[in-house]
Structure formats: C-alpha cells, structure tokens
Amino acid sequence: MNAPPFPCLLATMAPELIGSPCAQATSWRKWAAPAARKRWQALADDAATPNPFFEPWYLLPALEAFDARAGVKLLTVEIAGQLIGLIPLCTSSRYGRWPLPHRTTWMHANAFFGVPLVRAGFETLFWQALLDWADDTPGKALFLHLQSMPLDQIVTQALLNLAARENRTVALVTRERRALLQSSLAPEAYLENALNGKKRKELRRQSARLAEQGALSFKRTQTADGIGQWIDAFLHLENNGWKGKAGSAMICAPQTEAIFRTALEQAAALGKLERLSLELDGRPIAMLANFITPPGSFSYKTTFDEAYARFSPGVLLQRENLALLERQDIAWCDSCAAPDHPMIDSLWTERRSIGRISVAIGGKLRRAVFKNLNALELKRNPLD
C-alpha cells in the first residue's frame, strides 16, 4: 500500500484514525456475520451520501438472491481498524456489446443508486485507497466502471478531483436526470407551485368522487407493526396490475419477492421504512414504501388498484407523500424513477443528475488502452 496521500488530512483526524487507509476485497458472506454487519450498519448511518441499497438490510438479501456462488466482493476501506467505506464490486467480461473485461459496481434491477457508503469527511481517502487497490490488483480488468452515481454529491466530486490531481483519465459516459423532492416550501405551497389551478382542481374532484365510492382513509406508518400483512397486500396489489401481467411484479420471481419481504421487514425494524396507504372501505387501493435514510430518503416502490385508475389514487397518495417536506430530518427524497416518468415528473419539480463513470486503473499500458477505448465510446455516444 502506498504512503498516506494527504498527510494534512490525516493530521486533522481523531488520534485513533491516524494511519494509512487500507483497502481489501472480501467475500460478502464474511460481512453477514453479526459483528461485521453491525460495523457496516454504523458506516451506513454516518455516510456522506446515504444509500439504502448498499446497507446490509438491503444488499445482503439481494446478494443471497442473485449471487449464490458469492462471486461479488465487498471492497472495504479501513483506517486503524475503523471502517470508512464500502462498495460491492464484481468483474464483468463484457461492457455493453463489447468483450471488455472491467471491474464494476454490483447492481441489480431493484437497486436504484450506486454511490458507495463513505464515512463523512473521508471521501478522498476512500477513493485513494480504492484506486490504489485497483491499480495494484487489476486482474484482467481494463478499467473501473461505477454505476448510478449522483453527480451533485461530495462523494462523486471527491473522485473527480482526485483523478484530476493524479492525471488519471475519468469519464462520465452516461447522464440522466430523475425526479427529486427538495424544497423549503410547505406541502400545500409546493403542490400549488408544481400544478396549475386546473390540475389541482381536477385532483380535488377525483378525491371527492373517490370518497363517494366508500369510506376513504389514509394511513402513514413508520413502525414494524403489521409489516407482514402490509407486504402481502402490496405484493397482491402490484401483481394484479400491469406489472403482474408483464411478469415484472416483485412476486413474479422468488428472488425479488424474497428481497422485498426481507428488506422491508428489516428496514421497518430499524425505523428506516415509511409506509403509506390510501384505503377504500379498509382495503388499500394505493400503497407506497419510502426508505428513510437521513438526511435523505428514497421512494422505493409504489402501486395502485387499476380498477380505480380514473380517480388517480397513486397521485392522491403522492399528494400525501409531500408531508416529507415537513420533516426536519429529511432534506430530500429521491424518486428512484426513470427519467421523464409521466406521473412523478409532473409533481416533483426538482431533478437529480445520475451518471455512469469509468476510471482508468493499472499501469501505463492499461491506462493508455482505456483512454483510447473511452475516446471511442464518447465519440459514439456523445453527452449533451
């Protein structure tokens, strides 16, 4: 391992954290042990940028479901025994259509954010240790590829700044913007700002007409009470809609159902799950699960009863979800939605930029090869 790259930063740390950052890649199964998991959760709770999809209660069930052979490694960085960063990595033999081996963030279809968990204040040291490790042990990988990175956060900026100082090629290869809720406005004022008078009037009309169908009620829960029944109801409602017909509902595959059940149960036990339900005569017709990870939150999954589509129950539920704006511990909520989502983009006016970033690793020859490959990719797919 190289000498500490930034002694001025190390000198300002608490005495027990003075030392060289040490990176290692180990089987994720090692981190499933209770003591290791406790350290992992403590890191997640102190992360510079929260990411529920890499917290143990979500990532471990996903790895159990999709990585039975334990090929995925958790790259961790420690200083004097203190865990300061963690990211799941794997090696892929293909990059899109091309047979280009590379190391990459391990993701799956129901993980919507790829930023590593990094203890606040240690962003640069984390990337330095990770890149030193990648340089020293590249294997067959031609480069490092980081998926679903937030382009407006300090963790990403620290990587870009470090690469610039080292004259290391780094490239933003894709960029997209998805809906974000972030405002100092109160919920009603926010809705008034987001929707014109005609649309707000239509929303009130739909709510009134829906109330004529039976007893309309709204429930918000952040405890684990009744979590099993709530999960059953959500899965049933989602499966009865278009996702069930398309085979993409969570319950359509045992792996995704297991992730959903286990992650929500564990998140609820930790106080990291907020559940919203719009009910008609005591039966849910719209449901929403938010992951609460201060100072941010993530709108994980939502579903509604398509028999009541003319009343827009999903939109009515999102109107209630604007109460997030009143929480003192939450500064923003990531929609986890695809860009240009027809519903949430019309309600949430802010946007978060998300991108995929490729980074040069290894020695001079490997870096030269990557530089040429990167130039070709950006030429084929220029960013606006």
Foldseek 3Di string as FASTA:
>chain_A
DDAAPDVVLLVPDDPLQRDAKAKDWDQCVVCVDPVNLVLQQVLQLQFQDHFLCPRCLQVVLLCVLPPVVRQKIWIWIGGNNRTFWIFIKHWDQDDVPHRAIAIEGDDDPQGLAGQIRGGPSCLLSVLVNVQVVCQVDVDRHLWYKYFFYFPPGPNVVSNVVVCVVVVWDKDFLDKDKAFKAFDLDALVVLQPVLDPPVVVVLLVVLVVVLCVVAPKDKDKDQALPPVVVVLVLQQVQALPDPCVVVLNRQVSDPSSSSSSSSSSNVQRHVSQWMKMFIDGPRRGFKIWIKGHRFQAIEGRDIGGHVVSVVSVVHLVRVSVVSCLSVDPGYRMYGDSDDHPDPRSCSRGPDITMTTMMIIGHYDDVSSVVVVVVVVVSCVVPPDD
